[in-house]
Amino acid sequence: MHIENAIPGILGKTITGVIVKRVSNTRSPTSQVFLVFSDNTYFELYSDTGVITSTSSLSPGGMPEVRKYMSDIAEVSVDAWLDEHGRVIQKT
């Protein structure tokens, strides 16, 4: 998974924009989500097999709640956060 390599560069950034793109033909990727950051960088999430879906609103909770959410059927493959000194802590 390439996202594991990108996590240290993403944590702590401020998201200033989100762009969603869908390809209208059979080209790949079929859908993309771009997180645009305040330092003029961006991170892309994409799907080659279909539309990236999401919930329609923010959910209450933090890291503990996300770790627990659907834990009976899904396991965490990457867990990363900033510690109190701004250092990236990552478990895979």
N, C-alpha and C. Protein backbone atom coordinates (compact mmCIF):
# COMPACT_ATOMS: atom_id res chain seq x y z
N MET A 1 0.83 -1.18 0.00
CA MET A 1 0.00 0.00 0.00
C MET A 1 0.88 1.24 0.00
N HIS A 2 0.69 2.10 -0.95
CA HIS A 2 1.50 3.31 -1.07
C HIS A 2 1.15 4.35 -0.01
N ILE A 3 -0.05 4.29 0.53
CA ILE A 3 -0.45 5.30 1.51
C ILE A 3 0.44 5.26 2.75
N GLU A 4 0.97 4.08 3.07
CA GLU A 4 1.86 3.97 4.23
C GLU A 4 3.07 4.89 4.09
N ASN A 5 3.59 5.02 2.88
CA ASN A 5 4.74 5.89 2.63
C ASN A 5 4.38 7.37 2.71
N ALA A 6 3.13 7.70 2.40
CA ALA A 6 2.71 9.09 2.35
C ALA A 6 2.29 9.65 3.70
N ILE A 7 1.93 8.78 4.64
CA ILE A 7 1.37 9.23 5.91
C ILE A 7 2.25 10.25 6.63
N PRO A 8 3.55 10.04 6.78
CA PRO A 8 4.35 11.04 7.49
C PRO A 8 4.29 12.43 6.86
N GLY A 9 4.11 12.50 5.56
CA GLY A 9 4.02 13.79 4.88
C GLY A 9 2.65 14.44 4.97
N ILE A 10 1.64 13.66 5.33
CA ILE A 10 0.27 14.17 5.40
C ILE A 10 -0.07 14.67 6.80
N LEU A 11 0.35 13.95 7.81
CA LEU A 11 -0.03 14.29 9.19
C LEU A 11 0.44 15.69 9.57
N GLY A 12 -0.44 16.43 10.19
CA GLY A 12 -0.13 17.78 10.64
C GLY A 12 -0.40 18.87 9.63
N LYS A 13 -0.68 18.48 8.38
CA LYS A 13 -0.97 19.49 7.36
C LYS A 13 -2.39 20.02 7.54
N THR A 14 -2.62 21.20 6.99
CA THR A 14 -3.95 21.81 7.02
C THR A 14 -4.59 21.65 5.64
N ILE A 15 -5.76 21.01 5.61
CA ILE A 15 -6.48 20.85 4.36
C ILE A 15 -7.20 22.16 4.04
N THR A 16 -6.92 22.70 2.85
CA THR A 16 -7.57 23.94 2.44
C THR A 16 -8.55 23.73 1.30
N GLY A 17 -8.55 22.54 0.72
CA GLY A 17 -9.47 22.26 -0.37
C GLY A 17 -9.59 20.78 -0.63
N VAL A 18 -10.71 20.38 -1.20
CA VAL A 18 -10.96 19.00 -1.62
C VAL A 18 -11.54 19.05 -3.02
N ILE A 19 -10.96 18.26 -3.91
CA ILE A 19 -11.45 18.18 -5.28
C ILE A 19 -11.77 16.72 -5.58
N VAL A 20 -12.96 16.47 -6.12
CA VAL A 20 -13.38 15.13 -6.52
C VAL A 20 -13.51 15.11 -8.03
N LYS A 21 -12.91 14.10 -8.66
CA LYS A 21 -12.99 13.95 -10.12
C LYS A 21 -13.52 12.56 -10.45
N ARG A 22 -14.34 12.49 -11.49
CA ARG A 22 -14.83 11.22 -12.02
C ARG A 22 -14.55 11.20 -13.51
N VAL A 23 -14.00 10.10 -13.98
CA VAL A 23 -13.68 9.96 -15.40
C VAL A 23 -14.93 9.49 -16.13
N SER A 24 -15.26 10.14 -17.23
CA SER A 24 -16.50 9.84 -17.94
C SER A 24 -16.36 8.73 -18.97
N ASN A 25 -15.14 8.23 -19.18
CA ASN A 25 -14.97 7.13 -20.13
C ASN A 25 -14.39 5.92 -19.39
N THR A 26 -13.78 5.02 -20.07
CA THR A 26 -13.27 3.80 -19.46
C THR A 26 -11.82 3.91 -19.01
N ARG A 27 -11.28 5.09 -18.98
CA ARG A 27 -9.89 5.27 -18.55
C ARG A 27 -9.75 5.03 -17.06
N SER A 28 -8.54 4.77 -16.65
CA SER A 28 -8.25 4.55 -15.25
C SER A 28 -7.38 5.69 -14.74
N PRO A 29 -7.54 6.16 -13.54
CA PRO A 29 -8.50 5.73 -12.52
C PRO A 29 -9.90 6.26 -12.82
N THR A 30 -10.89 5.56 -12.29
CA THR A 30 -12.27 5.97 -12.57
C THR A 30 -12.75 7.09 -11.68
N SER A 31 -12.17 7.22 -10.49
CA SER A 31 -12.53 8.34 -9.62
C SER A 31 -11.33 8.72 -8.77
N GLN A 32 -11.28 10.00 -8.41
CA GLN A 32 -10.16 10.54 -7.64
C GLN A 32 -10.67 11.55 -6.62
N VAL A 33 -10.01 11.58 -5.47
CA VAL A 33 -10.25 12.60 -4.46
C VAL A 33 -8.88 13.21 -4.15
N PHE A 34 -8.79 14.53 -4.23
CA PHE A 34 -7.55 15.25 -3.95
C PHE A 34 -7.72 16.07 -2.69
N LEU A 35 -6.85 15.87 -1.73
CA LEU A 35 -6.79 16.72 -0.54
C LEU A 35 -5.72 17.76 -0.81
N VAL A 36 -6.09 19.03 -0.83
CA VAL A 36 -5.16 20.12 -1.13
C VAL A 36 -4.79 20.79 0.20
N PHE A 37 -3.49 20.97 0.43
CA PHE A 37 -2.99 21.48 1.70
C PHE A 37 -2.52 22.93 1.59
N SER A 38 -2.41 23.57 2.74
CA SER A 38 -2.07 24.99 2.79
C SER A 38 -0.65 25.29 2.31
N ASP A 39 0.22 24.29 2.25
CA ASP A 39 1.59 24.52 1.78
C ASP A 39 1.74 24.27 0.28
N ASN A 40 0.61 24.30 -0.45
CA ASN A 40 0.60 24.13 -1.90
C ASN A 40 1.06 22.74 -2.33
N THR A 41 0.67 21.71 -1.55
CA THR A 41 0.86 20.31 -1.93
C THR A 41 -0.51 19.65 -1.93
N TYR A 42 -0.60 18.45 -2.51
CA TYR A 42 -1.86 17.72 -2.48
C TYR A 42 -1.60 16.23 -2.39
N PHE A 43 -2.61 15.49 -1.93
CA PHE A 43 -2.55 14.04 -1.85
C PHE A 43 -3.76 13.48 -2.57
N GLU A 44 -3.54 12.45 -3.38
CA GLU A 44 -4.59 11.87 -4.20
C GLU A 44 -4.99 10.49 -3.69
N LEU A 45 -6.29 10.28 -3.54
CA LEU A 45 -6.88 8.96 -3.32
C LEU A 45 -7.61 8.61 -4.60
N TYR A 46 -7.51 7.35 -5.06
CA TYR A 46 -8.17 7.01 -6.31
C TYR A 46 -8.63 5.56 -6.31
N SER A 47 -9.51 5.25 -7.24
CA SER A 47 -10.00 3.90 -7.44
C SER A 47 -9.92 3.56 -8.92
N ASP A 48 -9.39 2.39 -9.22
CA ASP A 48 -9.35 1.91 -10.59
C ASP A 48 -10.58 1.08 -10.93
N THR A 49 -11.36 0.72 -9.92
CA THR A 49 -12.46 -0.22 -10.15
C THR A 49 -13.84 0.37 -9.96
N GLY A 50 -13.94 1.59 -9.53
CA GLY A 50 -15.25 2.18 -9.32
C GLY A 50 -15.14 3.53 -8.67
N VAL A 51 -16.27 4.05 -8.26
CA VAL A 51 -16.33 5.37 -7.64
C VAL A 51 -15.90 5.26 -6.18
N ILE A 52 -15.07 6.18 -5.73
CA ILE A 52 -14.72 6.27 -4.32
C ILE A 52 -15.96 6.80 -3.61
N THR A 53 -16.42 6.10 -2.61
CA THR A 53 -17.60 6.55 -1.89
C THR A 53 -17.21 7.03 -0.51
N SER A 54 -18.13 7.76 0.12
CA SER A 54 -17.87 8.29 1.45
C SER A 54 -19.17 8.47 2.18
N THR A 55 -19.07 8.80 3.44
CA THR A 55 -20.26 9.20 4.17
C THR A 55 -20.60 10.62 3.75
N SER A 56 -21.77 11.09 4.13
CA SER A 56 -22.21 12.41 3.69
C SER A 56 -21.96 13.51 4.71
N SER A 57 -21.34 13.15 5.84
CA SER A 57 -21.09 14.16 6.86
C SER A 57 -19.93 13.72 7.75
N LEU A 58 -19.47 14.64 8.58
CA LEU A 58 -18.44 14.30 9.55
C LEU A 58 -19.06 13.45 10.65
N SER A 59 -18.26 12.57 11.23
CA SER A 59 -18.71 11.74 12.33
C SER A 59 -17.99 12.16 13.59
N PRO A 60 -18.66 12.11 14.74
CA PRO A 60 -17.99 12.46 15.99
C PRO A 60 -17.00 11.37 16.39
N GLY A 61 -15.91 11.77 16.99
CA GLY A 61 -14.94 10.79 17.48
C GLY A 61 -13.54 11.09 17.01
N GLY A 62 -12.63 10.37 17.59
CA GLY A 62 -11.22 10.52 17.26
C GLY A 62 -10.61 9.17 16.93
N MET A 63 -9.32 9.06 17.13
CA MET A 63 -8.59 7.83 16.80
C MET A 63 -9.18 6.59 17.50
N PRO A 64 -9.48 6.64 18.80
CA PRO A 64 -10.01 5.44 19.46
C PRO A 64 -11.34 4.98 18.85
N GLU A 65 -12.21 5.93 18.52
CA GLU A 65 -13.51 5.58 17.95
C GLU A 65 -13.35 4.97 16.55
N VAL A 66 -12.45 5.52 15.76
CA VAL A 66 -12.23 4.98 14.41
C VAL A 66 -11.62 3.58 14.50
N ARG A 67 -10.69 3.37 15.41
CA ARG A 67 -10.10 2.04 15.58
C ARG A 67 -11.17 1.01 15.94
N LYS A 68 -12.13 1.40 16.76
CA LYS A 68 -13.18 0.49 17.22
C LYS A 68 -14.27 0.27 16.18
N TYR A 69 -14.54 1.28 15.36
CA TYR A 69 -15.62 1.23 14.38
C TYR A 69 -15.45 0.03 13.45
N MET A 70 -16.45 -0.81 13.37
CA MET A 70 -16.48 -2.01 12.52
C MET A 70 -15.32 -2.96 12.77
N SER A 71 -14.76 -2.94 13.98
CA SER A 71 -13.60 -3.79 14.28
C SER A 71 -13.94 -5.27 14.26
N ASP A 72 -15.23 -5.62 14.29
CA ASP A 72 -15.61 -7.02 14.22
C ASP A 72 -15.45 -7.59 12.81
N ILE A 73 -15.38 -6.74 11.79
CA ILE A 73 -15.24 -7.23 10.42
C ILE A 73 -14.06 -6.63 9.66
N ALA A 74 -13.42 -5.62 10.23
CA ALA A 74 -12.30 -4.97 9.53
C ALA A 74 -11.15 -4.75 10.51
N GLU A 75 -9.94 -5.01 10.05
CA GLU A 75 -8.78 -4.76 10.90
C GLU A 75 -7.99 -3.57 10.39
N VAL A 76 -7.34 -2.89 11.30
CA VAL A 76 -6.53 -1.73 10.95
C VAL A 76 -5.26 -2.22 10.27
N SER A 77 -4.97 -1.69 9.08
CA SER A 77 -3.73 -2.06 8.40
C SER A 77 -2.65 -1.01 8.56
N VAL A 78 -3.03 0.25 8.77
CA VAL A 78 -2.08 1.32 9.05
C VAL A 78 -2.72 2.22 10.10
N ASP A 79 -1.94 2.54 11.12
CA ASP A 79 -2.42 3.41 12.21
C ASP A 79 -1.31 4.44 12.45
N ALA A 80 -1.59 5.71 12.20
CA ALA A 80 -0.55 6.73 12.31
C ALA A 80 -1.13 8.00 12.91
N TRP A 81 -0.30 8.71 13.68
CA TRP A 81 -0.73 9.94 14.32
C TRP A 81 0.49 10.77 14.69
N LEU A 82 0.27 12.01 15.08
CA LEU A 82 1.33 12.87 15.58
C LEU A 82 1.33 12.79 17.10
N ASP A 83 2.50 12.61 17.70
CA ASP A 83 2.57 12.62 19.15
C ASP A 83 2.62 14.07 19.65
N GLU A 84 2.73 14.25 20.96
CA GLU A 84 2.68 15.59 21.54
C GLU A 84 3.85 16.48 21.12
N HIS A 85 4.88 15.90 20.50
CA HIS A 85 6.03 16.67 20.01
C HIS A 85 6.00 16.86 18.50
N GLY A 86 4.91 16.43 17.86
CA GLY A 86 4.78 16.59 16.43
C GLY A 86 5.48 15.51 15.63
N ARG A 87 5.92 14.44 16.28
CA ARG A 87 6.57 13.33 15.58
C ARG A 87 5.54 12.34 15.08
N VAL A 88 5.78 11.77 13.90
CA VAL A 88 4.85 10.79 13.32
C VAL A 88 5.08 9.45 14.00
N ILE A 89 4.01 8.88 14.52
CA ILE A 89 4.01 7.53 15.08
C ILE A 89 3.18 6.68 14.12
N GLN A 90 3.75 5.60 13.64
CA GLN A 90 3.05 4.78 12.64
C GLN A 90 3.18 3.32 12.99
N LYS A 91 2.03 2.63 12.99
CA LYS A 91 1.99 1.19 13.21
C LYS A 91 1.38 0.54 11.97
N THR A 92 2.04 -0.49 11.48
CA THR A 92 1.49 -1.21 10.32
C THR A 92 1.36 -2.67 10.64
